[in-house]
């Protein structure tokens, strides 16, 4: 398998809902493995939480996710890392924005910049920050 670099997001019991939301917004195939399916110890009542989930979209986007054990210290969501969708496919990426914007907090609306790109920032219902740049600038 060729190496890749992708986001791997830890959730507190919401990985399945988040990955489903991302699949609905971005399209693609979703595979989810639970703690119970692999007989990996889980917090009581959380055996069906996501041990490993991956969304692969037709565009080649890959998002991975897991539900971290309740015993782990909570992560400060949205404070250090954002996911960035950047490219020239205006119609496709605008559709991605619209899908992710459902139920999201819009920090900066998707608007045209003086140099012609569309830029916008949102925080999805799971606290993940998304930055969009649609156009030719890098």
N, C-alpha and C. Protein backbone atom coordinates (compact mmCIF):
# COMPACT_ATOMS: atom_id res chain seq x y z
N UNK A 1 0.84 -1.18 0.00
CA UNK A 1 0.00 0.00 0.00
C UNK A 1 0.89 1.24 0.00
N UNK A 2 0.51 2.21 -0.81
CA UNK A 2 1.23 3.48 -0.87
C UNK A 2 0.98 4.27 0.41
N UNK A 3 2.02 4.93 0.92
CA UNK A 3 1.88 5.74 2.13
C UNK A 3 0.95 6.92 1.87
N UNK A 4 0.23 7.33 2.91
CA UNK A 4 -0.59 8.52 2.81
C UNK A 4 -0.53 9.29 4.12
N UNK A 5 -1.00 10.50 4.08
CA UNK A 5 -1.10 11.34 5.26
C UNK A 5 -2.56 11.76 5.36
N UNK A 6 -3.18 11.51 6.51
CA UNK A 6 -4.59 11.84 6.66
C UNK A 6 -4.87 12.24 8.09
N UNK A 7 -6.03 12.84 8.28
CA UNK A 7 -6.48 13.21 9.62
C UNK A 7 -6.93 11.96 10.37
N UNK A 8 -6.59 11.89 11.66
CA UNK A 8 -7.05 10.81 12.54
C UNK A 8 -7.58 11.50 13.79
N UNK A 9 -8.89 11.54 13.93
CA UNK A 9 -9.54 12.35 14.95
C UNK A 9 -10.04 11.47 16.09
N UNK A 10 -9.76 11.88 17.32
CA UNK A 10 -10.25 11.18 18.52
C UNK A 10 -11.51 11.86 19.03
N UNK A 11 -12.52 11.06 19.28
CA UNK A 11 -13.79 11.57 19.80
C UNK A 11 -14.09 10.90 21.14
N UNK A 12 -15.00 11.49 21.88
CA UNK A 12 -15.45 10.94 23.15
C UNK A 12 -16.83 10.31 22.94
N UNK A 13 -16.85 9.16 22.26
CA UNK A 13 -18.10 8.45 22.04
C UNK A 13 -18.93 8.95 20.87
N UNK A 14 -18.39 9.85 20.04
CA UNK A 14 -19.15 10.39 18.91
C UNK A 14 -18.53 10.07 17.56
N UNK A 15 -17.56 9.18 17.50
CA UNK A 15 -16.87 8.91 16.24
C UNK A 15 -17.83 8.40 15.16
N UNK A 16 -18.74 7.51 15.52
CA UNK A 16 -19.68 6.96 14.53
C UNK A 16 -20.55 8.09 13.96
N UNK A 17 -21.09 8.93 14.84
CA UNK A 17 -21.95 10.02 14.39
C UNK A 17 -21.15 11.00 13.53
N UNK A 18 -19.92 11.31 13.94
CA UNK A 18 -19.09 12.25 13.18
C UNK A 18 -18.75 11.68 11.80
N UNK A 19 -18.31 10.44 11.74
CA UNK A 19 -17.96 9.84 10.45
C UNK A 19 -19.18 9.75 9.53
N UNK A 20 -20.35 9.47 10.09
CA UNK A 20 -21.57 9.43 9.28
C UNK A 20 -21.89 10.82 8.74
N UNK A 21 -21.74 11.84 9.58
CA UNK A 21 -21.94 13.23 9.17
C UNK A 21 -20.98 13.58 8.04
N UNK A 22 -19.70 13.22 8.18
CA UNK A 22 -18.71 13.52 7.15
C UNK A 22 -19.02 12.76 5.85
N UNK A 23 -19.47 11.51 5.97
CA UNK A 23 -19.84 10.76 4.77
C UNK A 23 -21.02 11.42 4.06
N UNK A 24 -22.01 11.85 4.84
CA UNK A 24 -23.17 12.51 4.24
C UNK A 24 -22.77 13.82 3.57
N UNK A 25 -21.81 14.53 4.15
CA UNK A 25 -21.37 15.82 3.62
C UNK A 25 -20.42 15.68 2.44
N UNK A 26 -19.53 14.69 2.48
CA UNK A 26 -18.45 14.59 1.50
C UNK A 26 -18.60 13.42 0.53
N UNK A 27 -19.49 12.48 0.86
CA UNK A 27 -19.63 11.28 0.05
C UNK A 27 -18.58 10.25 0.42
N UNK A 28 -18.68 9.07 -0.18
CA UNK A 28 -17.64 8.07 0.02
C UNK A 28 -18.09 6.83 0.76
N UNK A 29 -17.11 5.97 0.99
CA UNK A 29 -17.30 4.69 1.67
C UNK A 29 -16.82 4.80 3.12
N UNK A 30 -17.64 4.32 4.03
CA UNK A 30 -17.34 4.38 5.45
C UNK A 30 -17.19 2.96 5.98
N UNK A 31 -16.08 2.70 6.64
CA UNK A 31 -15.85 1.42 7.31
C UNK A 31 -15.63 1.69 8.79
N UNK A 32 -16.36 0.96 9.63
CA UNK A 32 -16.26 1.14 11.08
C UNK A 32 -16.04 -0.21 11.75
N UNK A 33 -15.06 -0.26 12.63
CA UNK A 33 -14.78 -1.44 13.45
C UNK A 33 -14.97 -1.04 14.92
N UNK A 34 -15.69 -1.87 15.66
CA UNK A 34 -15.95 -1.56 17.07
C UNK A 34 -14.95 -2.28 17.98
N UNK A 35 -14.91 -1.82 19.22
CA UNK A 35 -14.09 -2.50 20.23
C UNK A 35 -14.55 -3.95 20.36
N UNK A 36 -15.88 -4.15 20.40
CA UNK A 36 -16.42 -5.50 20.58
C UNK A 36 -16.05 -6.43 19.43
N UNK A 37 -16.09 -5.92 18.20
CA UNK A 37 -15.79 -6.75 17.04
C UNK A 37 -14.38 -7.32 17.09
N UNK A 38 -13.47 -6.57 17.67
CA UNK A 38 -12.07 -7.01 17.75
C UNK A 38 -11.71 -7.52 19.14
N UNK A 39 -12.73 -7.61 20.01
CA UNK A 39 -12.53 -8.09 21.38
C UNK A 39 -11.45 -7.30 22.11
N UNK A 40 -11.45 -5.99 21.87
CA UNK A 40 -10.53 -5.08 22.56
C UNK A 40 -11.26 -4.54 23.78
N UNK A 41 -10.63 -4.55 24.95
CA UNK A 41 -11.29 -4.03 26.15
C UNK A 41 -11.76 -2.58 25.94
N UNK A 42 -12.97 -2.32 26.41
CA UNK A 42 -13.55 -0.99 26.31
C UNK A 42 -14.15 -0.63 27.66
N UNK A 43 -14.40 0.66 27.85
CA UNK A 43 -15.09 1.09 29.06
C UNK A 43 -16.46 0.41 29.10
N UNK A 44 -16.95 0.04 30.29
CA UNK A 44 -18.26 -0.61 30.39
C UNK A 44 -19.34 0.20 29.68
N UNK A 45 -20.12 -0.48 28.86
CA UNK A 45 -21.19 0.18 28.12
C UNK A 45 -20.73 0.83 26.82
N UNK A 46 -19.44 0.76 26.52
CA UNK A 46 -18.90 1.41 25.32
C UNK A 46 -18.27 0.40 24.36
N UNK A 47 -18.71 -0.83 24.44
CA UNK A 47 -18.15 -1.88 23.60
C UNK A 47 -18.44 -1.65 22.12
N UNK A 48 -19.52 -0.93 21.81
CA UNK A 48 -19.86 -0.65 20.41
C UNK A 48 -19.29 0.67 19.92
N UNK A 49 -18.49 1.33 20.75
CA UNK A 49 -17.80 2.54 20.29
C UNK A 49 -16.81 2.18 19.19
N UNK A 50 -16.37 3.19 18.46
CA UNK A 50 -15.50 2.98 17.31
C UNK A 50 -14.05 2.79 17.75
N UNK A 51 -13.53 1.62 17.46
CA UNK A 51 -12.10 1.36 17.66
C UNK A 51 -11.33 2.00 16.50
N UNK A 52 -11.83 1.80 15.29
CA UNK A 52 -11.21 2.36 14.09
C UNK A 52 -12.28 2.59 13.05
N UNK A 53 -12.33 3.80 12.53
CA UNK A 53 -13.23 4.12 11.44
C UNK A 53 -12.48 4.88 10.37
N UNK A 54 -12.85 4.65 9.13
CA UNK A 54 -12.20 5.37 8.03
C UNK A 54 -13.24 5.71 6.96
N UNK A 55 -13.17 6.94 6.50
CA UNK A 55 -13.99 7.41 5.39
C UNK A 55 -13.06 7.71 4.23
N UNK A 56 -13.34 7.09 3.09
CA UNK A 56 -12.58 7.35 1.87
C UNK A 56 -13.56 7.89 0.84
N UNK A 57 -13.31 9.11 0.36
CA UNK A 57 -14.22 9.74 -0.58
C UNK A 57 -13.76 9.50 -2.01
N UNK A 58 -14.67 9.69 -2.97
CA UNK A 58 -14.29 9.54 -4.38
C UNK A 58 -13.20 10.54 -4.80
N UNK A 59 -13.07 11.64 -4.06
CA UNK A 59 -12.06 12.65 -4.38
C UNK A 59 -10.69 12.29 -3.84
N UNK A 60 -10.61 11.21 -3.06
CA UNK A 60 -9.33 10.83 -2.47
C UNK A 60 -9.12 11.37 -1.07
N UNK A 61 -10.13 12.04 -0.50
CA UNK A 61 -10.03 12.49 0.89
C UNK A 61 -10.10 11.27 1.80
N UNK A 62 -9.33 11.28 2.88
CA UNK A 62 -9.36 10.19 3.85
C UNK A 62 -9.44 10.78 5.25
N UNK A 63 -10.46 10.38 6.00
CA UNK A 63 -10.60 10.76 7.41
C UNK A 63 -10.66 9.49 8.23
N UNK A 64 -9.86 9.45 9.28
CA UNK A 64 -9.87 8.31 10.20
C UNK A 64 -10.33 8.82 11.57
N UNK A 65 -10.96 7.94 12.34
CA UNK A 65 -11.46 8.37 13.65
C UNK A 65 -11.52 7.19 14.60
N UNK A 66 -11.53 7.53 15.89
CA UNK A 66 -11.65 6.55 16.96
C UNK A 66 -12.39 7.21 18.13
N UNK A 67 -12.94 6.38 19.00
CA UNK A 67 -13.46 6.86 20.28
C UNK A 67 -12.42 6.56 21.33
N UNK A 68 -11.89 7.60 21.95
CA UNK A 68 -10.86 7.38 22.97
C UNK A 68 -11.52 6.89 24.26
N UNK A 69 -10.79 6.13 25.06
CA UNK A 69 -11.34 5.66 26.34
C UNK A 69 -11.71 6.84 27.24
N UNK A 70 -12.77 6.67 28.02
CA UNK A 70 -13.21 7.73 28.92
C UNK A 70 -12.15 8.06 29.96
N UNK A 71 -11.27 7.11 30.23
CA UNK A 71 -10.22 7.34 31.23
C UNK A 71 -9.14 8.30 30.74
N UNK A 72 -9.07 8.54 29.43
CA UNK A 72 -8.07 9.47 28.90
C UNK A 72 -8.50 10.91 29.14
N UNK A 73 -7.52 11.75 29.32
CA UNK A 73 -7.78 13.18 29.51
C UNK A 73 -8.46 13.74 28.25
N UNK A 74 -9.52 14.54 28.42
CA UNK A 74 -10.20 15.11 27.26
C UNK A 74 -9.26 15.98 26.43
N UNK A 75 -9.52 15.98 25.13
CA UNK A 75 -8.75 16.79 24.20
C UNK A 75 -9.46 18.13 24.05
N UNK A 76 -8.70 19.21 24.01
CA UNK A 76 -9.28 20.53 23.76
C UNK A 76 -9.56 20.63 22.26
N UNK A 77 -10.79 20.36 21.88
CA UNK A 77 -11.17 20.30 20.47
C UNK A 77 -11.05 21.67 19.82
N UNK A 78 -10.51 21.68 18.60
CA UNK A 78 -10.48 22.88 17.79
C UNK A 78 -9.44 23.90 18.18
N UNK A 79 -8.59 23.61 19.13
CA UNK A 79 -7.67 24.63 19.60
C UNK A 79 -6.32 24.61 18.91
N UNK A 80 -5.94 23.51 18.28
CA UNK A 80 -4.59 23.45 17.73
C UNK A 80 -4.55 23.01 16.27
N UNK A 81 -5.54 22.28 15.81
CA UNK A 81 -5.50 21.70 14.47
C UNK A 81 -6.81 21.98 13.76
N UNK A 82 -6.73 22.25 12.46
CA UNK A 82 -7.91 22.39 11.62
C UNK A 82 -7.73 21.50 10.40
N UNK A 83 -8.83 21.06 9.84
CA UNK A 83 -8.80 20.34 8.57
C UNK A 83 -8.99 21.36 7.46
N UNK A 84 -8.21 21.25 6.40
CA UNK A 84 -8.26 22.22 5.32
C UNK A 84 -8.63 21.53 4.02
N UNK A 85 -9.67 22.01 3.38
CA UNK A 85 -10.00 21.57 2.03
C UNK A 85 -9.58 22.69 1.09
N UNK A 86 -8.66 22.36 0.20
CA UNK A 86 -8.05 23.35 -0.66
C UNK A 86 -7.99 22.78 -2.08
N UNK A 87 -8.44 23.52 -3.06
CA UNK A 87 -8.36 23.04 -4.43
C UNK A 87 -9.09 23.95 -5.39
N UNK A 88 -9.04 23.58 -6.65
CA UNK A 88 -9.62 24.39 -7.71
C UNK A 88 -11.02 23.92 -8.12
N UNK A 89 -11.47 22.78 -7.61
CA UNK A 89 -12.76 22.21 -8.02
C UNK A 89 -13.89 22.96 -7.33
N UNK A 90 -14.22 24.14 -7.85
CA UNK A 90 -15.15 25.07 -7.19
C UNK A 90 -16.50 24.43 -6.87
N UNK A 91 -17.12 23.78 -7.84
CA UNK A 91 -18.45 23.21 -7.61
C UNK A 91 -18.40 22.11 -6.56
N UNK A 92 -17.44 21.20 -6.68
CA UNK A 92 -17.34 20.08 -5.73
C UNK A 92 -17.03 20.57 -4.32
N UNK A 93 -16.07 21.47 -4.18
CA UNK A 93 -15.69 21.93 -2.84
C UNK A 93 -16.77 22.83 -2.23
N UNK A 94 -17.51 23.56 -3.06
CA UNK A 94 -18.65 24.33 -2.55
C UNK A 94 -19.72 23.38 -2.02
N UNK A 95 -19.94 22.26 -2.72
CA UNK A 95 -20.87 21.24 -2.22
C UNK A 95 -20.39 20.67 -0.88
N UNK A 96 -19.08 20.45 -0.75
CA UNK A 96 -18.52 19.97 0.53
C UNK A 96 -18.80 20.99 1.63
N UNK A 97 -18.59 22.27 1.34
CA UNK A 97 -18.87 23.34 2.32
C UNK A 97 -20.33 23.26 2.75
N UNK A 98 -21.24 23.19 1.79
CA UNK A 98 -22.67 23.16 2.11
C UNK A 98 -23.01 21.96 2.99
N UNK A 99 -22.43 20.81 2.68
CA UNK A 99 -22.69 19.62 3.48
C UNK A 99 -22.18 19.75 4.89
N UNK A 100 -20.95 20.26 5.03
CA UNK A 100 -20.36 20.40 6.37
C UNK A 100 -20.99 21.55 7.15
N UNK A 101 -21.56 22.52 6.47
CA UNK A 101 -22.15 23.69 7.13
C UNK A 101 -23.46 23.35 7.85
N UNK A 102 -24.09 22.21 7.50
CA UNK A 102 -25.33 21.82 8.18
C UNK A 102 -25.05 21.60 9.65
N UNK A 103 -25.63 22.42 10.49
CA UNK A 103 -25.45 22.29 11.93
C UNK A 103 -24.14 22.84 12.45
N UNK A 104 -23.35 23.46 11.57
CA UNK A 104 -22.04 23.97 11.96
C UNK A 104 -22.13 25.43 12.41
N UNK A 105 -21.10 25.85 13.12
CA UNK A 105 -20.94 27.27 13.46
C UNK A 105 -20.07 27.88 12.36
N UNK A 106 -20.60 28.85 11.65
CA UNK A 106 -19.85 29.50 10.58
C UNK A 106 -19.00 30.60 11.21
N UNK A 107 -17.69 30.43 11.17
CA UNK A 107 -16.77 31.42 11.71
C UNK A 107 -16.54 32.53 10.69
N UNK A 108 -16.26 32.13 9.46
CA UNK A 108 -16.13 33.06 8.33
C UNK A 108 -16.91 32.45 7.18
N UNK A 109 -17.93 33.14 6.67
CA UNK A 109 -18.71 32.58 5.57
C UNK A 109 -17.82 32.36 4.34
N UNK A 110 -18.23 31.44 3.50
CA UNK A 110 -17.50 31.15 2.27
C UNK A 110 -17.75 32.30 1.29
N UNK A 111 -16.76 33.17 1.17
CA UNK A 111 -16.89 34.37 0.34
C UNK A 111 -15.69 34.51 -0.58
N UNK A 112 -15.91 35.23 -1.67
CA UNK A 112 -14.83 35.49 -2.60
C UNK A 112 -13.87 36.53 -2.02
N UNK A 113 -12.60 36.27 -2.20
CA UNK A 113 -11.54 37.17 -1.73
C UNK A 113 -11.16 38.13 -2.85
N UNK A 114 -10.41 39.19 -2.53
CA UNK A 114 -9.97 40.11 -3.59
C UNK A 114 -9.16 39.42 -4.69
N UNK A 115 -8.48 38.31 -4.38
CA UNK A 115 -7.66 37.62 -5.39
C UNK A 115 -8.45 36.54 -6.13
N UNK A 116 -9.75 36.41 -5.84
CA UNK A 116 -10.61 35.53 -6.61
C UNK A 116 -10.92 34.18 -6.01
N UNK A 117 -10.21 33.75 -4.99
CA UNK A 117 -10.50 32.47 -4.33
C UNK A 117 -11.72 32.64 -3.42
N UNK A 118 -12.35 31.52 -3.10
CA UNK A 118 -13.37 31.50 -2.05
C UNK A 118 -12.71 31.00 -0.78
N UNK A 119 -12.91 31.70 0.32
CA UNK A 119 -12.37 31.29 1.62
C UNK A 119 -13.50 31.26 2.63
N UNK A 120 -13.43 30.31 3.56
CA UNK A 120 -14.39 30.23 4.64
C UNK A 120 -13.88 29.33 5.74
N UNK A 121 -14.44 29.52 6.95
CA UNK A 121 -14.06 28.72 8.11
C UNK A 121 -15.34 28.36 8.86
N UNK A 122 -15.43 27.08 9.25
CA UNK A 122 -16.56 26.65 10.07
C UNK A 122 -16.08 25.66 11.12
N UNK A 123 -16.89 25.51 12.16
CA UNK A 123 -16.66 24.49 13.18
C UNK A 123 -17.87 23.56 13.14
N UNK A 124 -17.62 22.28 12.84
CA UNK A 124 -18.72 21.34 12.66
C UNK A 124 -19.36 20.99 14.01
N UNK A 125 -20.49 20.27 14.00
CA UNK A 125 -21.18 19.96 15.25
C UNK A 125 -20.37 19.13 16.24
N UNK A 126 -19.22 18.60 15.80
CA UNK A 126 -18.37 17.79 16.67
C UNK A 126 -17.15 18.57 17.16
N UNK A 127 -17.14 19.89 16.89
CA UNK A 127 -16.07 20.76 17.38
C UNK A 127 -14.83 20.78 16.50
N UNK A 128 -14.90 20.21 15.30
CA UNK A 128 -13.74 20.19 14.40
C UNK A 128 -13.79 21.41 13.49
N UNK A 129 -12.67 22.12 13.45
CA UNK A 129 -12.54 23.34 12.63
C UNK A 129 -12.14 22.95 11.21
N UNK A 130 -12.85 23.50 10.22
CA UNK A 130 -12.58 23.27 8.80
C UNK A 130 -12.27 24.60 8.14
N UNK A 131 -11.20 24.64 7.38
CA UNK A 131 -10.82 25.83 6.61
C UNK A 131 -10.94 25.47 5.13
N UNK A 132 -11.62 26.31 4.39
CA UNK A 132 -11.79 26.09 2.95
C UNK A 132 -11.06 27.17 2.17
N UNK A 133 -10.35 26.78 1.14
CA UNK A 133 -9.80 27.69 0.15
C UNK A 133 -10.09 27.06 -1.21
N UNK A 134 -10.93 27.72 -1.97
CA UNK A 134 -11.32 27.20 -3.27
C UNK A 134 -10.81 28.17 -4.32
N UNK A 135 -9.84 27.73 -5.09
CA UNK A 135 -9.24 28.58 -6.12
C UNK A 135 -7.84 28.12 -6.44
N UNK A 136 -7.09 29.00 -7.06
CA UNK A 136 -5.76 28.62 -7.55
C UNK A 136 -4.63 28.93 -6.59
N UNK A 137 -4.87 29.73 -5.57
CA UNK A 137 -3.76 30.03 -4.64
C UNK A 137 -3.51 28.84 -3.73
N UNK A 138 -2.29 28.71 -3.26
CA UNK A 138 -1.91 27.60 -2.41
C UNK A 138 -2.03 27.97 -0.96
